[in-house]
Amino acid sequence: MEKALIIGSSGGIGMALTQALTARGVAVTGLSRSGNGLDVTDEASVEKALGTLDGPFDLIFVATGALEIKGAEPEKTLRHVTANAMIDQFKLNTVGPSLLLKHALRLLPRKGRSVFAALSARVGSIGDNNLGGWYSYRTSKAALNQMLHGAAIELGRTHKDLICVALHPGTVETAFTEKYAANHPTVPAPEAADNLLSVLDGLTPDDTGRFFDWQGKEVPW
């Protein structure tokens, strides 16, 4: 039986992924702040949570992240940028997945196809940024993309069949996006989960280190 680890399993997308994979007959392990006390920004918490698990996992999916932290909304102008808001975004959206990958390495098989995927966002694309604004969130996701790209190069030397990718899920109907989705078409979380899993199903090790949207189309860095 295939095994999957969903980190952020209590969130909208994480929960939908858990349900979709379970329906496929995959043995799913879920970790979250609300369910397990996991704080992805705290390395001791990450090490403790992942240290209790036995691998290998065929899929490790990081579904954590936030658009608004401690009431700090995405900035419309440089005048709204603050150090605290930017640091909070980086800690959750960049540092968290980096620590998770660091400590999940022992849970990934050295041989045979496996996937490490993390939710990114199209607004983290530098090449596709035509609007500006949202400085903290955009830059934290751009940094996440760089981390995953670099990690894919390193891990390709030791885990030749590993696929390490960033994924843009589209605008999903969750608490994460409800304040900001008015002008964008949205999809329910179960549909988004199915879309993302379909993308992952079609990837090969040659796709490692890349950034894909929910349709399987590559997103520019």
N, C-alpha and C. Protein backbone atom coordinates (compact mmCIF):
# COMPACT_ATOMS: atom_id res chain seq x y z
N MET A 1 0.84 -1.20 0.00
CA MET A 1 0.00 0.00 0.00
C MET A 1 0.87 1.25 0.00
N GLU A 2 0.51 2.22 -0.82
CA GLU A 2 1.24 3.48 -0.83
C GLU A 2 1.03 4.22 0.48
N LYS A 3 2.02 5.04 0.83
CA LYS A 3 1.95 5.84 2.05
C LYS A 3 2.15 7.31 1.72
N ALA A 4 1.37 8.16 2.36
CA ALA A 4 1.48 9.60 2.16
C ALA A 4 1.48 10.31 3.50
N LEU A 5 2.24 11.39 3.56
CA LEU A 5 2.27 12.26 4.73
C LEU A 5 1.78 13.63 4.30
N ILE A 6 0.69 14.08 4.93
CA ILE A 6 0.13 15.40 4.63
C ILE A 6 0.39 16.30 5.83
N ILE A 7 1.13 17.36 5.62
CA ILE A 7 1.46 18.30 6.68
C ILE A 7 0.59 19.54 6.47
N GLY A 8 -0.22 19.84 7.48
CA GLY A 8 -1.27 20.84 7.34
C GLY A 8 -2.58 20.15 7.01
N SER A 9 -2.77 18.96 7.58
CA SER A 9 -3.91 18.11 7.21
C SER A 9 -5.24 18.60 7.75
N SER A 10 -5.22 19.59 8.64
CA SER A 10 -6.50 20.11 9.17
C SER A 10 -7.01 21.30 8.37
N GLY A 11 -6.20 21.82 7.45
CA GLY A 11 -6.64 22.92 6.61
C GLY A 11 -7.51 22.47 5.47
N GLY A 12 -8.05 23.42 4.72
CA GLY A 12 -8.99 23.09 3.65
C GLY A 12 -8.40 22.17 2.60
N ILE A 13 -7.25 22.53 2.04
CA ILE A 13 -6.63 21.71 1.00
C ILE A 13 -6.03 20.45 1.61
N GLY A 14 -5.38 20.57 2.77
CA GLY A 14 -4.78 19.41 3.41
C GLY A 14 -5.80 18.35 3.75
N MET A 15 -6.95 18.76 4.26
CA MET A 15 -8.00 17.81 4.61
C MET A 15 -8.57 17.15 3.35
N ALA A 16 -8.75 17.95 2.29
CA ALA A 16 -9.27 17.40 1.04
C ALA A 16 -8.29 16.42 0.42
N LEU A 17 -7.00 16.72 0.50
CA LEU A 17 -5.99 15.79 0.00
C LEU A 17 -6.02 14.48 0.79
N THR A 18 -6.16 14.60 2.10
CA THR A 18 -6.22 13.41 2.95
C THR A 18 -7.39 12.53 2.55
N GLN A 19 -8.54 13.15 2.35
CA GLN A 19 -9.74 12.38 1.99
C GLN A 19 -9.60 11.75 0.61
N ALA A 20 -9.04 12.50 -0.34
CA ALA A 20 -8.90 11.99 -1.71
C ALA A 20 -7.92 10.82 -1.76
N LEU A 21 -6.83 10.94 -1.04
CA LEU A 21 -5.83 9.87 -1.03
C LEU A 21 -6.36 8.64 -0.31
N THR A 22 -7.06 8.85 0.79
CA THR A 22 -7.64 7.72 1.51
C THR A 22 -8.62 6.96 0.63
N ALA A 23 -9.41 7.71 -0.16
CA ALA A 23 -10.35 7.08 -1.08
C ALA A 23 -9.64 6.25 -2.14
N ARG A 24 -8.40 6.59 -2.42
CA ARG A 24 -7.60 5.83 -3.39
C ARG A 24 -6.98 4.58 -2.76
N GLY A 25 -7.11 4.45 -1.46
CA GLY A 25 -6.50 3.32 -0.78
C GLY A 25 -5.10 3.59 -0.25
N VAL A 26 -4.72 4.87 -0.25
CA VAL A 26 -3.40 5.25 0.27
C VAL A 26 -3.47 5.34 1.80
N ALA A 27 -2.43 4.89 2.47
CA ALA A 27 -2.33 5.02 3.92
C ALA A 27 -1.81 6.42 4.23
N VAL A 28 -2.65 7.26 4.79
CA VAL A 28 -2.32 8.67 4.99
C VAL A 28 -2.02 8.96 6.46
N THR A 29 -0.91 9.63 6.70
CA THR A 29 -0.58 10.18 8.01
C THR A 29 -0.72 11.69 7.92
N GLY A 30 -1.43 12.29 8.86
CA GLY A 30 -1.63 13.73 8.86
C GLY A 30 -0.98 14.40 10.06
N LEU A 31 -0.38 15.55 9.83
CA LEU A 31 0.17 16.37 10.90
C LEU A 31 -0.35 17.79 10.76
N SER A 32 -0.64 18.43 11.89
CA SER A 32 -1.12 19.81 11.84
C SER A 32 -0.92 20.46 13.20
N ARG A 33 -1.07 21.77 13.22
CA ARG A 33 -0.97 22.48 14.49
C ARG A 33 -2.12 22.11 15.41
N SER A 34 -3.33 22.08 14.86
CA SER A 34 -4.50 21.82 15.71
C SER A 34 -4.56 20.37 16.15
N GLY A 35 -4.11 19.45 15.29
CA GLY A 35 -4.21 18.04 15.63
C GLY A 35 -3.05 17.48 16.41
N ASN A 36 -1.84 18.02 16.13
CA ASN A 36 -0.63 17.44 16.73
C ASN A 36 0.24 18.47 17.44
N GLY A 37 -0.17 19.73 17.43
CA GLY A 37 0.65 20.77 18.04
C GLY A 37 1.89 21.11 17.24
N LEU A 38 1.89 20.76 15.95
CA LEU A 38 3.06 21.01 15.11
C LEU A 38 3.16 22.50 14.77
N ASP A 39 4.30 23.08 15.10
CA ASP A 39 4.61 24.46 14.72
C ASP A 39 5.73 24.40 13.70
N VAL A 40 5.40 24.61 12.43
CA VAL A 40 6.40 24.43 11.38
C VAL A 40 7.50 25.48 11.42
N THR A 41 7.28 26.57 12.15
CA THR A 41 8.30 27.61 12.26
C THR A 41 9.30 27.33 13.38
N ASP A 42 9.07 26.28 14.15
CA ASP A 42 9.91 25.92 15.28
C ASP A 42 10.60 24.60 14.97
N GLU A 43 11.92 24.63 14.81
CA GLU A 43 12.62 23.42 14.37
C GLU A 43 12.49 22.28 15.38
N ALA A 44 12.47 22.60 16.66
CA ALA A 44 12.31 21.55 17.66
C ALA A 44 10.97 20.85 17.51
N SER A 45 9.93 21.61 17.21
CA SER A 45 8.60 21.04 17.00
C SER A 45 8.57 20.17 15.76
N VAL A 46 9.20 20.63 14.69
CA VAL A 46 9.26 19.86 13.44
C VAL A 46 10.03 18.56 13.66
N GLU A 47 11.17 18.66 14.31
CA GLU A 47 12.00 17.48 14.54
C GLU A 47 11.27 16.46 15.40
N LYS A 48 10.57 16.93 16.42
CA LYS A 48 9.84 16.03 17.31
C LYS A 48 8.70 15.32 16.55
N ALA A 49 7.94 16.09 15.78
CA ALA A 49 6.79 15.51 15.07
C ALA A 49 7.22 14.50 14.01
N LEU A 50 8.20 14.85 13.22
CA LEU A 50 8.64 13.96 12.16
C LEU A 50 9.48 12.81 12.70
N GLY A 51 10.11 13.04 13.84
CA GLY A 51 10.95 12.01 14.44
C GLY A 51 10.19 10.81 14.94
N THR A 52 8.88 10.94 15.11
CA THR A 52 8.06 9.82 15.59
C THR A 52 7.57 8.94 14.44
N LEU A 53 7.84 9.35 13.20
CA LEU A 53 7.28 8.65 12.04
C LEU A 53 8.26 7.65 11.45
N ASP A 54 7.71 6.62 10.86
CA ASP A 54 8.50 5.63 10.14
C ASP A 54 8.16 5.72 8.66
N GLY A 55 9.18 5.83 7.84
CA GLY A 55 8.99 5.86 6.41
C GLY A 55 9.18 4.48 5.81
N PRO A 56 9.39 4.41 4.51
CA PRO A 56 9.39 5.58 3.64
C PRO A 56 7.97 5.96 3.21
N PHE A 57 7.83 7.23 2.83
CA PHE A 57 6.57 7.74 2.28
C PHE A 57 6.74 7.94 0.77
N ASP A 58 5.72 7.56 0.03
CA ASP A 58 5.73 7.79 -1.41
C ASP A 58 5.45 9.25 -1.74
N LEU A 59 4.69 9.91 -0.86
CA LEU A 59 4.33 11.32 -1.05
C LEU A 59 4.41 12.05 0.27
N ILE A 60 5.11 13.16 0.28
CA ILE A 60 5.07 14.10 1.41
C ILE A 60 4.59 15.43 0.83
N PHE A 61 3.47 15.90 1.34
CA PHE A 61 2.83 17.10 0.79
C PHE A 61 2.70 18.14 1.90
N VAL A 62 3.30 19.30 1.68
CA VAL A 62 3.24 20.40 2.64
C VAL A 62 2.11 21.34 2.21
N ALA A 63 1.03 21.31 2.97
CA ALA A 63 -0.15 22.12 2.65
C ALA A 63 -0.35 23.24 3.66
N THR A 64 0.73 23.68 4.26
CA THR A 64 0.66 24.78 5.23
C THR A 64 0.82 26.11 4.52
N GLY A 65 0.55 27.20 5.24
CA GLY A 65 0.73 28.53 4.68
C GLY A 65 -0.37 29.46 5.12
N ALA A 66 -0.15 30.74 4.91
CA ALA A 66 -1.15 31.75 5.28
C ALA A 66 -0.94 33.00 4.44
N LEU A 67 -2.04 33.62 4.11
CA LEU A 67 -2.01 34.88 3.37
C LEU A 67 -2.03 36.06 4.33
N GLU A 68 -2.67 35.85 5.47
CA GLU A 68 -2.80 36.91 6.48
C GLU A 68 -2.39 36.33 7.83
N ILE A 69 -1.44 36.95 8.49
CA ILE A 69 -0.94 36.47 9.77
C ILE A 69 -1.05 37.59 10.80
N LYS A 70 -1.63 37.27 11.93
CA LYS A 70 -1.77 38.24 13.02
C LYS A 70 -2.47 39.53 12.56
N GLY A 71 -3.42 39.36 11.65
CA GLY A 71 -4.20 40.50 11.18
C GLY A 71 -3.52 41.38 10.15
N ALA A 72 -2.30 41.03 9.76
CA ALA A 72 -1.58 41.83 8.76
C ALA A 72 -2.01 41.41 7.36
N GLU A 73 -2.76 42.26 6.68
CA GLU A 73 -3.27 41.94 5.36
C GLU A 73 -2.20 42.16 4.29
N PRO A 74 -2.34 41.52 3.12
CA PRO A 74 -1.39 41.75 2.04
C PRO A 74 -1.28 43.24 1.72
N GLU A 75 -0.05 43.70 1.55
CA GLU A 75 0.19 45.13 1.38
C GLU A 75 -0.18 45.60 -0.03
N LYS A 76 -0.92 46.68 -0.10
CA LYS A 76 -1.26 47.27 -1.39
C LYS A 76 -0.19 48.24 -1.86
N THR A 77 0.65 48.69 -0.94
CA THR A 77 1.68 49.67 -1.26
C THR A 77 2.87 49.47 -0.35
N LEU A 78 4.02 49.94 -0.78
CA LEU A 78 5.23 49.86 0.03
C LEU A 78 5.06 50.52 1.39
N ARG A 79 4.18 51.51 1.46
CA ARG A 79 3.97 52.22 2.73
C ARG A 79 3.42 51.31 3.81
N HIS A 80 2.84 50.19 3.40
CA HIS A 80 2.24 49.27 4.36
C HIS A 80 3.18 48.16 4.81
N VAL A 81 4.37 48.08 4.22
CA VAL A 81 5.32 47.01 4.56
C VAL A 81 5.86 47.23 5.97
N THR A 82 5.86 46.17 6.78
CA THR A 82 6.47 46.22 8.11
C THR A 82 7.40 45.02 8.28
N ALA A 83 8.41 45.19 9.09
CA ALA A 83 9.36 44.11 9.33
C ALA A 83 8.67 42.90 9.94
N ASN A 84 7.80 43.13 10.90
CA ASN A 84 7.17 42.00 11.59
C ASN A 84 6.30 41.18 10.65
N ALA A 85 5.51 41.84 9.82
CA ALA A 85 4.64 41.13 8.90
C ALA A 85 5.46 40.33 7.89
N MET A 86 6.54 40.92 7.41
CA MET A 86 7.37 40.22 6.42
C MET A 86 8.07 39.02 7.06
N ILE A 87 8.58 39.19 8.26
CA ILE A 87 9.25 38.08 8.95
C ILE A 87 8.26 36.96 9.23
N ASP A 88 7.04 37.30 9.64
CA ASP A 88 6.03 36.27 9.91
C ASP A 88 5.72 35.47 8.65
N GLN A 89 5.61 36.15 7.51
CA GLN A 89 5.34 35.45 6.27
C GLN A 89 6.48 34.51 5.90
N PHE A 90 7.70 34.99 6.06
CA PHE A 90 8.85 34.15 5.72
C PHE A 90 8.95 32.95 6.65
N LYS A 91 8.67 33.16 7.93
CA LYS A 91 8.77 32.05 8.88
C LYS A 91 7.79 30.95 8.52
N LEU A 92 6.56 31.31 8.17
CA LEU A 92 5.55 30.29 7.89
C LEU A 92 5.67 29.72 6.47
N ASN A 93 5.83 30.58 5.48
CA ASN A 93 5.75 30.15 4.09
C ASN A 93 7.07 29.71 3.49
N THR A 94 8.21 30.10 4.10
CA THR A 94 9.51 29.72 3.56
C THR A 94 10.30 28.86 4.54
N VAL A 95 10.47 29.36 5.75
CA VAL A 95 11.26 28.62 6.75
C VAL A 95 10.57 27.30 7.10
N GLY A 96 9.25 27.34 7.29
CA GLY A 96 8.52 26.13 7.66
C GLY A 96 8.74 24.98 6.68
N PRO A 97 8.42 25.16 5.39
CA PRO A 97 8.66 24.07 4.44
C PRO A 97 10.13 23.66 4.34
N SER A 98 11.04 24.60 4.55
CA SER A 98 12.47 24.26 4.51
C SER A 98 12.84 23.32 5.65
N LEU A 99 12.34 23.62 6.85
CA LEU A 99 12.61 22.75 7.99
C LEU A 99 11.94 21.40 7.81
N LEU A 100 10.74 21.40 7.25
CA LEU A 100 10.04 20.15 7.02
C LEU A 100 10.80 19.25 6.06
N LEU A 101 11.31 19.83 4.99
CA LEU A 101 12.07 19.03 4.03
C LEU A 101 13.35 18.53 4.67
N LYS A 102 14.00 19.36 5.44
CA LYS A 102 15.24 18.95 6.12
C LYS A 102 15.01 17.70 6.97
N HIS A 103 13.94 17.71 7.76
CA HIS A 103 13.72 16.62 8.69
C HIS A 103 12.91 15.47 8.08
N ALA A 104 12.35 15.70 6.89
CA ALA A 104 11.62 14.63 6.21
C ALA A 104 12.52 13.80 5.32
N LEU A 105 13.74 14.22 5.17
CA LEU A 105 14.64 13.55 4.23
C LEU A 105 14.79 12.06 4.52
N ARG A 106 14.87 11.72 5.79
CA ARG A 106 15.05 10.31 6.16
C ARG A 106 13.79 9.49 5.88
N LEU A 107 12.66 10.17 5.64
CA LEU A 107 11.40 9.49 5.39
C LEU A 107 11.14 9.24 3.90
N LEU A 108 12.04 9.73 3.05
CA LEU A 108 11.90 9.56 1.61
C LEU A 108 12.79 8.42 1.14
N PRO A 109 12.30 7.56 0.26
CA PRO A 109 13.11 6.43 -0.20
C PRO A 109 14.27 6.88 -1.08
N ARG A 110 15.37 6.18 -0.97
CA ARG A 110 16.53 6.47 -1.83
C ARG A 110 16.29 5.98 -3.25
N LYS A 111 15.49 4.92 -3.39
CA LYS A 111 15.22 4.35 -4.70
C LYS A 111 13.72 4.23 -4.89
N GLY A 112 13.28 4.38 -6.12
CA GLY A 112 11.87 4.30 -6.42
C GLY A 112 11.22 5.68 -6.40
N ARG A 113 10.18 5.86 -7.19
CA ARG A 113 9.52 7.15 -7.32
C ARG A 113 8.93 7.63 -6.00
N SER A 114 9.21 8.87 -5.68
CA SER A 114 8.59 9.52 -4.53
C SER A 114 8.45 11.00 -4.85
N VAL A 115 7.58 11.67 -4.09
CA VAL A 115 7.28 13.09 -4.35
C VAL A 115 7.33 13.87 -3.05
N PHE A 116 8.02 15.00 -3.10
CA PHE A 116 7.90 16.02 -2.05
C PHE A 116 7.33 17.26 -2.73
N ALA A 117 6.13 17.65 -2.31
CA ALA A 117 5.45 18.80 -2.93
C ALA A 117 5.05 19.80 -1.85
N ALA A 118 5.13 21.06 -2.19
CA ALA A 118 4.71 22.12 -1.26
C ALA A 118 3.83 23.12 -2.01
N LEU A 119 2.80 23.59 -1.32
CA LEU A 119 1.93 24.60 -1.92
C LEU A 119 2.67 25.93 -2.03
N SER A 120 2.75 26.43 -3.24
CA SER A 120 3.27 27.77 -3.47
C SER A 120 2.09 28.61 -3.96
N ALA A 121 2.36 29.63 -4.75
CA ALA A 121 1.30 30.48 -5.28
C ALA A 121 1.80 31.20 -6.52
N ARG A 122 0.92 31.37 -7.49
CA ARG A 122 1.33 32.05 -8.72
C ARG A 122 1.86 33.45 -8.43
N VAL A 123 1.33 34.09 -7.39
CA VAL A 123 1.80 35.45 -7.08
C VAL A 123 3.25 35.44 -6.60
N GLY A 124 3.79 34.26 -6.31
CA GLY A 124 5.21 34.17 -5.97
C GLY A 124 6.10 34.16 -7.19
N SER A 125 5.51 34.10 -8.37
CA SER A 125 6.29 34.13 -9.60
C SER A 125 6.79 35.54 -9.87
N ILE A 126 8.09 35.70 -10.05
CA ILE A 126 8.65 37.01 -10.40
C ILE A 126 8.34 37.33 -11.86
N GLY A 127 8.45 36.33 -12.72
CA GLY A 127 8.21 36.55 -14.14
C GLY A 127 6.76 36.85 -14.48
N ASP A 128 5.83 36.43 -13.61
CA ASP A 128 4.41 36.59 -13.89
C ASP A 128 3.79 37.71 -13.05
N ASN A 129 4.63 38.55 -12.46
CA ASN A 129 4.14 39.62 -11.59
C ASN A 129 3.96 40.90 -12.40
N ASN A 130 2.70 41.19 -12.72
CA ASN A 130 2.40 42.40 -13.49
C ASN A 130 1.60 43.42 -12.69
N LEU A 131 1.33 43.12 -11.43
CA LEU A 131 0.48 43.99 -10.63
C LEU A 131 1.21 44.64 -9.45
N GLY A 132 2.28 44.02 -8.97
CA GLY A 132 2.96 44.54 -7.78
C GLY A 132 2.15 44.27 -6.53
N GLY A 133 2.54 44.92 -5.43
CA GLY A 133 1.83 44.75 -4.17
C GLY A 133 2.04 43.38 -3.54
N TRP A 134 1.33 43.16 -2.43
CA TRP A 134 1.40 41.90 -1.70
C TRP A 134 2.85 41.50 -1.42
N TYR A 135 3.64 42.46 -0.98
CA TYR A 135 5.09 42.29 -0.92
C TYR A 135 5.54 41.11 -0.06
N SER A 136 5.03 41.02 1.15
CA SER A 136 5.51 39.98 2.06
C SER A 136 5.13 38.59 1.58
N TYR A 137 3.89 38.41 1.18
CA TYR A 137 3.43 37.10 0.73
C TYR A 137 4.13 36.70 -0.56
N ARG A 138 4.20 37.62 -1.52
CA ARG A 138 4.86 37.31 -2.79
C ARG A 138 6.31 36.89 -2.57
N THR A 139 7.04 37.65 -1.78
CA THR A 139 8.47 37.37 -1.63
C THR A 139 8.69 36.09 -0.84
N SER A 140 7.82 35.79 0.11
CA SER A 140 7.98 34.54 0.86
C SER A 140 7.75 33.33 -0.04
N LYS A 141 6.81 33.43 -0.96
CA LYS A 141 6.56 32.32 -1.88
C LYS A 141 7.65 32.23 -2.94
N ALA A 142 8.19 33.37 -3.39
CA ALA A 142 9.31 33.33 -4.32
C ALA A 142 10.52 32.66 -3.67
N ALA A 143 10.73 32.95 -2.38
CA ALA A 143 11.83 32.33 -1.65
C ALA A 143 11.59 30.83 -1.48
N LEU A 144 10.34 30.44 -1.23
CA LEU A 144 10.01 29.02 -1.15
C LEU A 144 10.35 28.31 -2.46
N ASN A 145 9.98 28.93 -3.58
CA ASN A 145 10.27 28.34 -4.88
C ASN A 145 11.77 28.13 -5.08
N GLN A 146 12.56 29.11 -4.68
CA GLN A 146 14.02 29.00 -4.82
C GLN A 146 14.56 27.87 -3.95
N MET A 147 14.03 27.76 -2.73
CA MET A 147 14.47 26.69 -1.83
C MET A 147 14.18 25.33 -2.44
N LEU A 148 12.97 25.14 -2.95
CA LEU A 148 12.61 23.85 -3.52
C LEU A 148 13.43 23.53 -4.77
N HIS A 149 13.69 24.54 -5.57
CA HIS A 149 14.50 24.34 -6.78
C HIS A 149 15.92 23.90 -6.40
N GLY A 150 16.50 24.60 -5.43
CA GLY A 150 17.85 24.24 -4.98
C GLY A 150 17.89 22.86 -4.34
N ALA A 151 16.89 22.55 -3.53
CA ALA A 151 16.84 21.25 -2.86
C ALA A 151 16.71 20.13 -3.89
N ALA A 152 15.94 20.36 -4.94
CA ALA A 152 15.77 19.34 -5.97
C ALA A 152 17.10 19.00 -6.63
N ILE A 153 17.94 20.00 -6.82
CA ILE A 153 19.26 19.76 -7.41
C ILE A 153 20.11 18.90 -6.47
N GLU A 154 20.14 19.29 -5.20
CA GLU A 154 20.94 18.54 -4.22
C GLU A 154 20.42 17.11 -4.07
N LEU A 155 19.12 16.96 -3.89
CA LEU A 155 18.55 15.64 -3.62
C LEU A 155 18.57 14.74 -4.84
N GLY A 156 18.67 15.34 -6.02
CA GLY A 156 18.78 14.54 -7.23
C GLY A 156 20.03 13.69 -7.26
N ARG A 157 21.01 14.04 -6.46
CA ARG A 157 22.26 13.28 -6.40
C ARG A 157 22.12 12.03 -5.54
N THR A 158 21.22 12.08 -4.57
CA THR A 158 21.07 10.95 -3.63
C THR A 158 19.74 10.23 -3.78
N HIS A 159 18.72 10.94 -4.27
CA HIS A 159 17.39 10.37 -4.44
C HIS A 159 17.00 10.57 -5.91
N LYS A 160 17.52 9.71 -6.77
CA LYS A 160 17.44 9.96 -8.21
C LYS A 160 16.02 9.88 -8.77
N ASP A 161 15.13 9.24 -8.03
CA ASP A 161 13.76 9.12 -8.51
C ASP A 161 12.80 10.07 -7.78
N LEU A 162 13.34 10.97 -6.97
CA LEU A 162 12.52 11.91 -6.23
C LEU A 162 12.06 13.06 -7.12
N ILE A 163 10.81 13.45 -6.95
CA ILE A 163 10.24 14.61 -7.64
C ILE A 163 9.94 15.66 -6.58
N CYS A 164 10.66 16.77 -6.60
CA CYS A 164 10.51 17.84 -5.62
C CYS A 164 9.95 19.06 -6.35
N VAL A 165 8.70 19.44 -6.04
CA VAL A 165 8.04 20.48 -6.83
C VAL A 165 7.27 21.46 -5.97
N ALA A 166 7.08 22.65 -6.54
CA ALA A 166 6.17 23.66 -6.00
C ALA A 166 4.88 23.60 -6.81
N LEU A 167 3.74 23.79 -6.13
CA LEU A 167 2.45 23.70 -6.80
C LEU A 167 1.58 24.92 -6.50
N HIS A 168 0.94 25.43 -7.55
CA HIS A 168 -0.05 26.49 -7.40
C HIS A 168 -1.43 25.86 -7.52
N PRO A 169 -2.25 25.91 -6.45
CA PRO A 169 -3.52 25.18 -6.46
C PRO A 169 -4.69 25.92 -7.12
N GLY A 170 -4.45 27.16 -7.56
CA GLY A 170 -5.57 27.99 -7.98
C GLY A 170 -6.19 28.65 -6.76
N THR A 171 -7.28 29.37 -6.97
CA THR A 171 -7.97 30.01 -5.86
C THR A 171 -9.02 29.04 -5.32
N VAL A 172 -8.80 28.59 -4.10
CA VAL A 172 -9.60 27.52 -3.53
C VAL A 172 -10.53 28.10 -2.48
N GLU A 173 -11.72 27.55 -2.39
CA GLU A 173 -12.72 28.02 -1.42
C GLU A 173 -12.37 27.51 -0.02
N THR A 174 -11.53 28.30 0.67
CA THR A 174 -11.14 27.96 2.04
C THR A 174 -11.15 29.24 2.87
N ALA A 175 -10.99 29.09 4.18
CA ALA A 175 -10.88 30.26 5.05
C ALA A 175 -9.66 31.10 4.70
N PHE A 176 -8.67 30.45 4.14
CA PHE A 176 -7.42 31.11 3.72
C PHE A 176 -7.69 32.22 2.71
N THR A 177 -8.64 32.01 1.80
CA THR A 177 -8.82 32.92 0.67
C THR A 177 -10.13 33.69 0.67
N GLU A 178 -11.03 33.41 1.62
CA GLU A 178 -12.40 33.93 1.49
C GLU A 178 -12.48 35.46 1.42
N LYS A 179 -11.54 36.17 2.06
CA LYS A 179 -11.56 37.64 2.02
C LYS A 179 -11.04 38.19 0.70
N TYR A 180 -10.34 37.35 -0.09
CA TYR A 180 -9.63 37.88 -1.25
C TYR A 180 -10.06 37.25 -2.57
N ALA A 181 -11.09 36.41 -2.53
CA ALA A 181 -11.44 35.64 -3.72
C ALA A 181 -12.55 36.28 -4.56
N ALA A 182 -13.02 37.45 -4.17
CA ALA A 182 -14.20 38.03 -4.83
C ALA A 182 -14.05 38.18 -6.33
N ASN A 183 -12.87 38.55 -6.80
CA ASN A 183 -12.67 38.82 -8.22
C ASN A 183 -12.03 37.66 -8.96
N HIS A 184 -11.97 36.49 -8.34
CA HIS A 184 -11.31 35.35 -8.96
C HIS A 184 -12.23 34.14 -8.95
N PRO A 185 -12.21 33.36 -10.03
CA PRO A 185 -12.97 32.10 -10.00
C PRO A 185 -12.36 31.16 -8.97
N THR A 186 -13.21 30.49 -8.22
CA THR A 186 -12.72 29.60 -7.17
C THR A 186 -13.22 28.18 -7.41
N VAL A 187 -12.55 27.24 -6.76
CA VAL A 187 -12.98 25.85 -6.82
C VAL A 187 -13.07 25.31 -5.40
N PRO A 188 -13.97 24.37 -5.14
CA PRO A 188 -14.03 23.75 -3.81
C PRO A 188 -12.75 22.98 -3.52
N ALA A 189 -12.42 22.85 -2.24
CA ALA A 189 -11.19 22.18 -1.85
C ALA A 189 -11.10 20.75 -2.40
N PRO A 190 -12.17 19.94 -2.38
CA PRO A 190 -12.04 18.58 -2.94
C PRO A 190 -11.65 18.58 -4.41
N GLU A 191 -12.21 19.53 -5.17
CA GLU A 191 -11.84 19.61 -6.59
C GLU A 191 -10.39 20.02 -6.75
N ALA A 192 -9.95 20.97 -5.92
CA ALA A 192 -8.56 21.41 -5.97
C ALA A 192 -7.63 20.25 -5.65
N ALA A 193 -7.99 19.46 -4.64
CA ALA A 193 -7.17 18.31 -4.27
C ALA A 193 -7.05 17.32 -5.42
N ASP A 194 -8.17 17.03 -6.07
CA ASP A 194 -8.15 16.11 -7.22
C ASP A 194 -7.27 16.66 -8.34
N ASN A 195 -7.36 17.97 -8.56
CA ASN A 195 -6.53 18.60 -9.60
C ASN A 195 -5.04 18.43 -9.28
N LEU A 196 -4.68 18.71 -8.04
CA LEU A 196 -3.27 18.63 -7.65
C LEU A 196 -2.75 17.20 -7.74
N LEU A 197 -3.56 16.25 -7.30
CA LEU A 197 -3.13 14.85 -7.37
C LEU A 197 -2.99 14.39 -8.82
N SER A 198 -3.84 14.89 -9.70
CA SER A 198 -3.73 14.56 -11.12
C SER A 198 -2.42 15.08 -11.69
N VAL A 199 -2.04 16.29 -11.27
CA VAL A 199 -0.75 16.84 -11.71
C VAL A 199 0.39 15.97 -11.22
N LEU A 200 0.36 15.61 -9.93
CA LEU A 200 1.44 14.79 -9.37
C LEU A 200 1.51 13.43 -10.06
N ASP A 201 0.37 12.86 -10.40
CA ASP A 201 0.34 11.56 -11.07
C ASP A 201 1.11 11.60 -12.38
N GLY A 202 1.10 12.74 -13.05
CA GLY A 202 1.72 12.84 -14.37
C GLY A 202 3.17 13.25 -14.37
N LEU A 203 3.75 13.52 -13.21
CA LEU A 203 5.13 13.99 -13.14
C LEU A 203 6.12 12.83 -13.12
N THR A 204 7.30 13.10 -13.64
CA THR A 204 8.40 12.15 -13.62
C THR A 204 9.60 12.81 -12.95
N PRO A 205 10.63 12.05 -12.63
CA PRO A 205 11.83 12.67 -12.03
C PRO A 205 12.43 13.78 -12.87
N ASP A 206 12.18 13.78 -14.18
CA ASP A 206 12.68 14.87 -15.02
C ASP A 206 12.00 16.20 -14.69
N ASP A 207 10.88 16.16 -13.98
CA ASP A 207 10.14 17.38 -13.63
C ASP A 207 10.57 17.96 -12.28
N THR A 208 11.48 17.31 -11.59
CA THR A 208 11.87 17.79 -10.27
C THR A 208 12.46 19.19 -10.34
N GLY A 209 12.19 19.96 -9.30
CA GLY A 209 12.73 21.31 -9.23
C GLY A 209 11.93 22.35 -9.99
N ARG A 210 10.72 21.99 -10.44
CA ARG A 210 9.93 22.90 -11.25
C ARG A 210 8.67 23.34 -10.49
N PHE A 211 7.93 24.25 -11.10
CA PHE A 211 6.78 24.91 -10.48
C PHE A 211 5.59 24.74 -11.42
N PHE A 212 4.54 24.06 -10.94
CA PHE A 212 3.39 23.75 -11.78
C PHE A 212 2.10 24.30 -11.17
N ASP A 213 1.16 24.64 -12.05
CA ASP A 213 -0.15 25.03 -11.54
C ASP A 213 -1.08 23.82 -11.52
N TRP A 214 -2.31 24.06 -11.13
CA TRP A 214 -3.28 22.97 -10.93
C TRP A 214 -3.68 22.27 -12.22
N GLN A 215 -3.33 22.88 -13.34
CA GLN A 215 -3.61 22.25 -14.64
C GLN A 215 -2.41 21.48 -15.18
N GLY A 216 -1.32 21.51 -14.42
CA GLY A 216 -0.11 20.85 -14.89
C GLY A 216 0.75 21.73 -15.78
N LYS A 217 0.38 23.01 -15.91
CA LYS A 217 1.17 23.93 -16.72
C LYS A 217 2.30 24.54 -15.88
N GLU A 218 3.47 24.65 -16.47
CA GLU A 218 4.60 25.18 -15.73
C GLU A 218 4.43 26.70 -15.53
N VAL A 219 4.73 27.14 -14.31
CA VAL A 219 4.64 28.56 -13.96
C VAL A 219 6.04 29.14 -14.01
N PRO A 220 6.24 30.31 -14.61
CA PRO A 220 7.57 30.91 -14.67
C PRO A 220 8.06 31.31 -13.29
N TRP A 221 9.36 31.21 -13.09
CA TRP A 221 9.93 31.63 -11.81
C TRP A 221 9.79 33.14 -11.64
